[in-house]
PDB file of N, CA and C in Angstrom:
ATOM      1  N   MET A   1      37.403 -14.783 -56.525  1.00  0.00           N
ATOM      2  CA  MET A   1      37.821 -16.151 -56.673  1.00  0.00           C
ATOM      3  C   MET A   1      38.733 -16.503 -55.503  1.00  0.00           C
ATOM      4  N   ILE A   2      38.479 -17.672 -54.935  1.00  0.00           N
ATOM      5  CA  ILE A   2      39.303 -18.144 -53.828  1.00  0.00           C
ATOM      6  C   ILE A   2      40.110 -19.327 -54.335  1.00  0.00           C
ATOM      7  N   VAL A   3      41.405 -19.290 -54.163  1.00  0.00           N
ATOM      8  CA  VAL A   3      42.268 -20.378 -54.612  1.00  0.00           C
ATOM      9  C   VAL A   3      43.159 -20.793 -53.453  1.00  0.00           C
ATOM     10  N   PHE A   4      43.186 -22.084 -53.192  1.00  0.00           N
ATOM     11  CA  PHE A   4      44.080 -22.628 -52.185  1.00  0.00           C
ATOM     12  C   PHE A   4      45.278 -23.226 -52.914  1.00  0.00           C
ATOM     13  N   HIS A   5      46.444 -23.059 -52.364  1.00  0.00           N
ATOM     14  CA  HIS A   5      47.622 -23.660 -52.967  1.00  0.00           C
ATOM     15  C   HIS A   5      48.246 -24.624 -51.974  1.00  0.00           C
ATOM     16  N   GLY A   6      48.382 -25.859 -52.369  1.00  0.00           N
ATOM     17  CA  GLY A   6      49.050 -26.863 -51.551  1.00  0.00           C
ATOM     18  C   GLY A   6      50.307 -27.292 -52.253  1.00  0.00           C
ATOM     19  N   SER A   7      50.954 -28.275 -51.720  1.00  0.00           N
ATOM     20  CA  SER A   7      52.200 -28.714 -52.332  1.00  0.00           C
ATOM     21  C   SER A   7      51.968 -29.268 -53.736  1.00  0.00           C
ATOM     22  N   TYR A   8      50.831 -29.915 -53.976  1.00  0.00           N
ATOM     23  CA  TYR A   8      50.566 -30.477 -55.296  1.00  0.00           C
ATOM     24  C   TYR A   8      49.234 -30.012 -55.895  1.00  0.00           C
ATOM     25  N   THR A   9      48.486 -29.210 -55.156  1.00  0.00           N
ATOM     26  CA  THR A   9      47.111 -28.946 -55.550  1.00  0.00           C
ATOM     27  C   THR A   9      46.749 -27.471 -55.500  1.00  0.00           C
ATOM     28  N   ALA A  10      45.973 -27.046 -56.468  1.00  0.00           N
ATOM     29  CA  ALA A  10      45.324 -25.729 -56.398  1.00  0.00           C
ATOM     30  C   ALA A  10      43.828 -25.990 -56.513  1.00  0.00           C
ATOM     31  N   ILE A  11      43.079 -25.575 -55.542  1.00  0.00           N
ATOM     32  CA  ILE A  11      41.641 -25.796 -55.546  1.00  0.00           C
ATOM     33  C   ILE A  11      40.960 -24.471 -55.849  1.00  0.00           C
ATOM     34  N   ASN A  12      40.144 -24.448 -56.869  1.00  0.00           N
ATOM     35  CA  ASN A  12      39.465 -23.230 -57.264  1.00  0.00           C
ATOM     36  C   ASN A  12      37.991 -23.337 -56.881  1.00  0.00           C
ATOM     37  N   VAL A  13      37.615 -22.644 -55.820  1.00  0.00           N
ATOM     38  CA  VAL A  13      36.252 -22.710 -55.313  1.00  0.00           C
ATOM     39  C   VAL A  13      35.259 -22.162 -56.338  1.00  0.00           C
ATOM     40  N   LYS A  14      35.707 -21.293 -57.210  1.00  0.00           N
ATOM     41  CA  LYS A  14      34.822 -20.728 -58.225  1.00  0.00           C
ATOM     42  C   LYS A  14      34.224 -21.821 -59.103  1.00  0.00           C
ATOM     43  N   HIS A  15      35.002 -22.851 -59.415  1.00  0.00           N
ATOM     44  CA  HIS A  15      34.504 -23.934 -60.267  1.00  0.00           C
ATOM     45  C   HIS A  15      33.450 -24.766 -59.555  1.00  0.00           C
ATOM     46  N   ILE A  16      33.460 -24.759 -58.239  1.00  0.00           N
ATOM     47  CA  ILE A  16      32.435 -25.453 -57.474  1.00  0.00           C
ATOM     48  C   ILE A  16      31.222 -24.542 -57.295  1.00  0.00           C
ATOM     49  N   SER A  17      31.461 -23.267 -57.086  1.00  0.00           N
ATOM     50  CA  SER A  17      30.381 -22.314 -56.828  1.00  0.00           C
ATOM     51  C   SER A  17      29.493 -22.083 -58.042  1.00  0.00           C
ATOM     52  N   ARG A  18      30.078 -22.028 -59.203  1.00  0.00           N
ATOM     53  CA  ARG A  18      29.319 -21.686 -60.410  1.00  0.00           C
ATOM     54  C   ARG A  18      28.117 -22.600 -60.641  1.00  0.00           C
ATOM     55  N   PRO A  19      28.280 -23.933 -60.645  1.00  0.00           N
ATOM     56  CA  PRO A  19      27.093 -24.771 -60.883  1.00  0.00           C
ATOM     57  C   PRO A  19      26.084 -24.700 -59.745  1.00  0.00           C
ATOM     58  N   ILE A  20      26.547 -24.450 -58.526  1.00  0.00           N
ATOM     59  CA  ILE A  20      25.627 -24.315 -57.403  1.00  0.00           C
ATOM     60  C   ILE A  20      24.765 -23.066 -57.589  1.00  0.00           C
ATOM     61  N   ILE A  21      25.375 -21.970 -57.975  1.00  0.00           N
ATOM     62  CA  ILE A  21      24.630 -20.737 -58.217  1.00  0.00           C
ATOM     63  C   ILE A  21      23.650 -20.927 -59.371  1.00  0.00           C
ATOM     64  N   GLU A  22      24.090 -21.590 -60.433  1.00  0.00           N
ATOM     65  CA  GLU A  22      23.207 -21.833 -61.568  1.00  0.00           C
ATOM     66  C   GLU A  22      22.005 -22.683 -61.156  1.00  0.00           C
ATOM     67  N   LYS A  23      22.229 -23.655 -60.304  1.00  0.00           N
ATOM     68  CA  LYS A  23      21.146 -24.515 -59.822  1.00  0.00           C
ATOM     69  C   LYS A  23      20.190 -23.725 -58.931  1.00  0.00           C
ATOM     70  N   LEU A  24      20.717 -22.850 -58.093  1.00  0.00           N
ATOM     71  CA  LEU A  24      19.850 -21.995 -57.270  1.00  0.00           C
ATOM     72  C   LEU A  24      18.973 -21.111 -58.150  1.00  0.00           C
ATOM     73  N   ILE A  25      19.542 -20.607 -59.229  1.00  0.00           N
ATOM     74  CA  ILE A  25      18.793 -19.752 -60.159  1.00  0.00           C
ATOM     75  C   ILE A  25      17.632 -20.528 -60.763  1.00  0.00           C
ATOM     76  N   THR A  26      17.898 -21.727 -61.246  1.00  0.00           N
ATOM     77  CA  THR A  26      16.860 -22.485 -61.938  1.00  0.00           C
ATOM     78  C   THR A  26      15.864 -23.134 -60.984  1.00  0.00           C
ATOM     79  N   GLU A  27      16.332 -23.699 -59.895  1.00  0.00           N
ATOM     80  CA  GLU A  27      15.426 -24.410 -58.988  1.00  0.00           C
ATOM     81  C   GLU A  27      14.669 -23.486 -58.036  1.00  0.00           C
ATOM     82  N   GLN A  28      15.287 -22.395 -57.637  1.00  0.00           N
ATOM     83  CA  GLN A  28      14.663 -21.511 -56.655  1.00  0.00           C
ATOM     84  C   GLN A  28      14.129 -20.222 -57.283  1.00  0.00           C
ATOM     85  N   ASN A  29      14.274 -20.113 -58.608  1.00  0.00           N
ATOM     86  CA  ASN A  29      13.782 -18.953 -59.345  1.00  0.00           C
ATOM     87  C   ASN A  29      14.370 -17.641 -58.791  1.00  0.00           C
ATOM     88  N   LEU A  30      15.675 -17.629 -58.622  1.00  0.00           N
ATOM     89  CA  LEU A  30      16.389 -16.458 -58.116  1.00  0.00           C
ATOM     90  C   LEU A  30      17.168 -15.802 -59.244  1.00  0.00           C
ATOM     91  N   ASP A  31      17.459 -14.517 -59.104  1.00  0.00           N
ATOM     92  CA  ASP A  31      18.384 -13.918 -60.057  1.00  0.00           C
ATOM     93  C   ASP A  31      19.803 -14.260 -59.594  1.00  0.00           C
ATOM     94  N   LYS A  32      20.774 -13.988 -60.450  1.00  0.00           N
ATOM     95  CA  LYS A  32      22.139 -14.428 -60.153  1.00  0.00           C
ATOM     96  C   LYS A  32      22.708 -13.749 -58.916  1.00  0.00           C
ATOM     97  N   TYR A  33      22.277 -12.540 -58.635  1.00  0.00           N
ATOM     98  CA  TYR A  33      22.804 -11.823 -57.468  1.00  0.00           C
ATOM     99  C   TYR A  33      22.272 -12.409 -56.160  1.00  0.00           C
ATOM    100  N   ASP A  34      20.975 -12.718 -56.128  1.00  0.00           N
ATOM    101  CA  ASP A  34      20.394 -13.318 -54.932  1.00  0.00           C
ATOM    102  C   ASP A  34      20.930 -14.731 -54.709  1.00  0.00           C
ATOM    103  N   ALA A  35      21.105 -15.474 -55.802  1.00  0.00           N
ATOM    104  CA  ALA A  35      21.638 -16.830 -55.687  1.00  0.00           C
ATOM    105  C   ALA A  35      23.070 -16.799 -55.149  1.00  0.00           C
ATOM    106  N   ALA A  36      23.882 -15.910 -55.683  1.00  0.00           N
ATOM    107  CA  ALA A  36      25.266 -15.787 -55.217  1.00  0.00           C
ATOM    108  C   ALA A  36      25.294 -15.335 -53.761  1.00  0.00           C
ATOM    109  N   ASP A  37      24.423 -14.414 -53.406  1.00  0.00           N
ATOM    110  CA  ASP A  37      24.349 -13.924 -52.037  1.00  0.00           C
ATOM    111  C   ASP A  37      24.005 -15.055 -51.066  1.00  0.00           C
ATOM    112  N   LEU A  38      23.039 -15.897 -51.431  1.00  0.00           N
ATOM    113  CA  LEU A  38      22.684 -17.037 -50.582  1.00  0.00           C
ATOM    114  C   LEU A  38      23.879 -17.951 -50.358  1.00  0.00           C
ATOM    115  N   LEU A  39      24.570 -18.272 -51.447  1.00  0.00           N
ATOM    116  CA  LEU A  39      25.717 -19.174 -51.321  1.00  0.00           C
ATOM    117  C   LEU A  39      26.838 -18.533 -50.521  1.00  0.00           C
ATOM    118  N   TYR A  40      27.261 -17.348 -50.907  1.00  0.00           N
ATOM    119  CA  TYR A  40      28.447 -16.738 -50.310  1.00  0.00           C
ATOM    120  C   TYR A  40      28.260 -16.347 -48.846  1.00  0.00           C
ATOM    121  N   ASN A  41      27.021 -16.219 -48.393  1.00  0.00           N
ATOM    122  CA  ASN A  41      26.763 -15.890 -46.999  1.00  0.00           C
ATOM    123  C   ASN A  41      26.355 -17.103 -46.167  1.00  0.00           C
ATOM    124  N   SER A  42      26.513 -18.293 -46.731  1.00  0.00           N
ATOM    125  CA  SER A  42      26.111 -19.507 -46.025  1.00  0.00           C
ATOM    126  C   SER A  42      27.273 -20.111 -45.228  1.00  0.00           C
ATOM    127  N   ASN A  43      26.917 -20.938 -44.275  1.00  0.00           N
ATOM    128  CA  ASN A  43      27.924 -21.702 -43.536  1.00  0.00           C
ATOM    129  C   ASN A  43      28.618 -22.702 -44.451  1.00  0.00           C
ATOM    130  N   ILE A  44      27.870 -23.220 -45.421  1.00  0.00           N
ATOM    131  CA  ILE A  44      28.455 -24.174 -46.377  1.00  0.00           C
ATOM    132  C   ILE A  44      29.595 -23.521 -47.138  1.00  0.00           C
ATOM    133  N   PHE A  45      29.404 -22.290 -47.598  1.00  0.00           N
ATOM    134  CA  PHE A  45      30.474 -21.616 -48.327  1.00  0.00           C
ATOM    135  C   PHE A  45      31.660 -21.335 -47.413  1.00  0.00           C
ATOM    136  N   SER A  46      31.379 -20.988 -46.187  1.00  0.00           N
ATOM    137  CA  SER A  46      32.448 -20.771 -45.220  1.00  0.00           C
ATOM    138  C   SER A  46      33.276 -22.046 -45.056  1.00  0.00           C
ATOM    139  N   ASP A  47      32.578 -23.173 -44.946  1.00  0.00           N
ATOM    140  CA  ASP A  47      33.283 -24.459 -44.839  1.00  0.00           C
ATOM    141  C   ASP A  47      34.016 -24.797 -46.128  1.00  0.00           C
ATOM    142  N   LEU A  48      33.398 -24.496 -47.255  1.00  0.00           N
ATOM    143  CA  LEU A  48      34.029 -24.748 -48.551  1.00  0.00           C
ATOM    144  C   LEU A  48      35.307 -23.937 -48.709  1.00  0.00           C
ATOM    145  N   SER A  49      35.321 -22.758 -48.152  1.00  0.00           N
ATOM    146  CA  SER A  49      36.475 -21.866 -48.243  1.00  0.00           C
ATOM    147  C   SER A  49      37.581 -22.230 -47.260  1.00  0.00           C
ATOM    148  N   ASP A  50      37.273 -23.125 -46.350  1.00  0.00           N
ATOM    149  CA  ASP A  50      38.235 -23.569 -45.339  1.00  0.00           C
ATOM    150  C   ASP A  50      38.833 -24.894 -45.796  1.00  0.00           C
ATOM    151  N   LYS A  51      40.070 -24.858 -46.228  1.00  0.00           N
ATOM    152  CA  LYS A  51      40.709 -26.042 -46.789  1.00  0.00           C
ATOM    153  C   LYS A  51      40.722 -27.215 -45.811  1.00  0.00           C
ATOM    154  N   THR A  52      40.764 -26.939 -44.515  1.00  0.00           N
ATOM    155  CA  THR A  52      40.860 -28.021 -43.528  1.00  0.00           C
ATOM    156  C   THR A  52      39.605 -28.886 -43.475  1.00  0.00           C
ATOM    157  N   THR A  53      38.461 -28.356 -43.933  1.00  0.00           N
ATOM    158  CA  THR A  53      37.224 -29.154 -43.920  1.00  0.00           C
ATOM    159  C   THR A  53      37.200 -30.191 -45.044  1.00  0.00           C
ATOM    160  N   GLU A  54      37.989 -29.954 -46.076  1.00  0.00           N
ATOM    161  CA  GLU A  54      38.048 -30.809 -47.265  1.00  0.00           C
ATOM    162  C   GLU A  54      36.695 -30.955 -47.956  1.00  0.00           C
ATOM    163  N   LEU A  55      35.809 -29.995 -47.717  1.00  0.00           N
ATOM    164  CA  LEU A  55      34.508 -30.018 -48.377  1.00  0.00           C
ATOM    165  C   LEU A  55      34.663 -29.918 -49.892  1.00  0.00           C
ATOM    166  N   TYR A  56      35.712 -29.254 -50.330  1.00  0.00           N
ATOM    167  CA  TYR A  56      35.966 -29.099 -51.770  1.00  0.00           C
ATOM    168  C   TYR A  56      36.174 -30.436 -52.476  1.00  0.00           C
ATOM    169  N   LYS A  57      36.387 -31.503 -51.740  1.00  0.00           N
ATOM    170  CA  LYS A  57      36.583 -32.826 -52.345  1.00  0.00           C
ATOM    171  C   LYS A  57      35.266 -33.487 -52.744  1.00  0.00           C
ATOM    172  N   LYS A  58      34.165 -32.966 -52.222  1.00  0.00           N
ATOM    173  CA  LYS A  58      32.857 -33.531 -52.537  1.00  0.00           C
ATOM    174  C   LYS A  58      32.358 -33.009 -53.881  1.00  0.00           C
ATOM    175  N   GLN A  59      31.450 -33.752 -54.483  1.00  0.00           N
ATOM    176  CA  GLN A  59      30.820 -33.331 -55.729  1.00  0.00           C
ATOM    177  C   GLN A  59      29.981 -32.085 -55.474  1.00  0.00           C
ATOM    178  N   TRP A  60      29.895 -31.203 -56.450  1.00  0.00           N
ATOM    179  CA  TRP A  60      29.127 -29.973 -56.265  1.00  0.00           C
ATOM    180  C   TRP A  60      27.669 -30.281 -55.962  1.00  0.00           C
ATOM    181  N   THR A  61      27.137 -31.377 -56.503  1.00  0.00           N
ATOM    182  CA  THR A  61      25.740 -31.728 -56.247  1.00  0.00           C
ATOM    183  C   THR A  61      25.508 -32.063 -54.774  1.00  0.00           C
ATOM    184  N   GLU A  62      26.457 -32.722 -54.160  1.00  0.00           N
ATOM    185  CA  GLU A  62      26.349 -33.029 -52.740  1.00  0.00           C
ATOM    186  C   GLU A  62      26.430 -31.741 -51.907  1.00  0.00           C
ATOM    187  N   ILE A  63      27.315 -30.855 -52.292  1.00  0.00           N
ATOM    188  CA  ILE A  63      27.443 -29.568 -51.596  1.00  0.00           C
ATOM    189  C   ILE A  63      26.154 -28.765 -51.778  1.00  0.00           C
ATOM    190  N   TYR A  64      25.585 -28.815 -52.973  1.00  0.00           N
ATOM    191  CA  TYR A  64      24.321 -28.115 -53.232  1.00  0.00           C
ATOM    192  C   TYR A  64      23.214 -28.643 -52.321  1.00  0.00           C
ATOM    193  N   ASN A  65      23.130 -29.957 -52.178  1.00  0.00           N
ATOM    194  CA  ASN A  65      22.111 -30.539 -51.309  1.00  0.00           C
ATOM    195  C   ASN A  65      22.336 -30.140 -49.850  1.00  0.00           C
ATOM    196  N   MET A  66      23.575 -30.065 -49.433  1.00  0.00           N
ATOM    197  CA  MET A  66      23.888 -29.603 -48.077  1.00  0.00           C
ATOM    198  C   MET A  66      23.454 -28.147 -47.905  1.00  0.00           C
ATOM    199  N   LEU A  67      23.682 -27.343 -48.924  1.00  0.00           N
ATOM    200  CA  LEU A  67      23.277 -25.927 -48.882  1.00  0.00           C
ATOM    201  C   LEU A  67      21.754 -25.819 -48.793  1.00  0.00           C
ATOM    202  N   LYS A  68      21.034 -26.603 -49.582  1.00  0.00           N
ATOM    203  CA  LYS A  68      19.582 -26.572 -49.541  1.00  0.00           C
ATOM    204  C   LYS A  68      19.078 -26.933 -48.144  1.00  0.00           C
ATOM    205  N   THR A  69      19.718 -27.893 -47.509  1.00  0.00           N
ATOM    206  CA  THR A  69      19.329 -28.273 -46.152  1.00  0.00           C
ATOM    207  C   THR A  69      19.594 -27.124 -45.197  1.00  0.00           C
ATOM    208  N   GLU A  70      20.793 -26.520 -45.296  1.00  0.00           N
ATOM    209  CA  GLU A  70      21.136 -25.399 -44.421  1.00  0.00           C
ATOM    210  C   GLU A  70      20.123 -24.262 -44.570  1.00  0.00           C
ATOM    211  N   LEU A  71      19.729 -23.959 -45.790  1.00  0.00           N
ATOM    212  CA  LEU A  71      18.846 -22.826 -46.060  1.00  0.00           C
ATOM    213  C   LEU A  71      17.372 -23.212 -46.017  1.00  0.00           C
ATOM    214  N   ASN A  72      17.105 -24.472 -45.683  1.00  0.00           N
ATOM    215  CA  ASN A  72      15.738 -24.980 -45.604  1.00  0.00           C
ATOM    216  C   ASN A  72      15.003 -24.798 -46.937  1.00  0.00           C
ATOM    217  N   LEU A  73      15.674 -25.183 -48.010  1.00  0.00           N
ATOM    218  CA  LEU A  73      15.115 -25.052 -49.357  1.00  0.00           C
ATOM    219  C   LEU A  73      14.720 -26.398 -49.938  1.00  0.00           C
ATOM    220  N   ASN A  74      14.690 -27.445 -49.126  1.00  0.00           N
ATOM    221  CA  ASN A  74      14.363 -28.770 -49.638  1.00  0.00           C
ATOM    222  C   ASN A  74      12.948 -28.816 -50.175  1.00  0.00           C
ATOM    223  N   ASP A  75      12.794 -29.627 -51.196  1.00  0.00           N
ATOM    224  CA  ASP A  75      11.480 -29.745 -51.868  1.00  0.00           C
ATOM    225  C   ASP A  75      10.448 -30.341 -50.947  1.00  0.00           C
TER     226      ASP A  75
END
C-alpha cells in the first residue's frame, strides 16, 4: 500500500488500484496476479504513485482508460 501524507490529505493508492485490477480481471479475462502485475508495472501506476502528477485526483475509471491506452487494450 502506498500512502501519501500532505498537510491535510492522505491519499491511498490502494483504493484507486483495487477497482482497476478488478476491471482488468473481468474485461481482459486475467487472474488477479496478472492484472496486478500489468497495473503495478505500468507508467500509469508510476504516475499515480507520484504525488506531483496529481493523477490520484482523477476518477479510477479515467485512470483505467488511460491504462488501457498505455497497454493497447482498447476494444
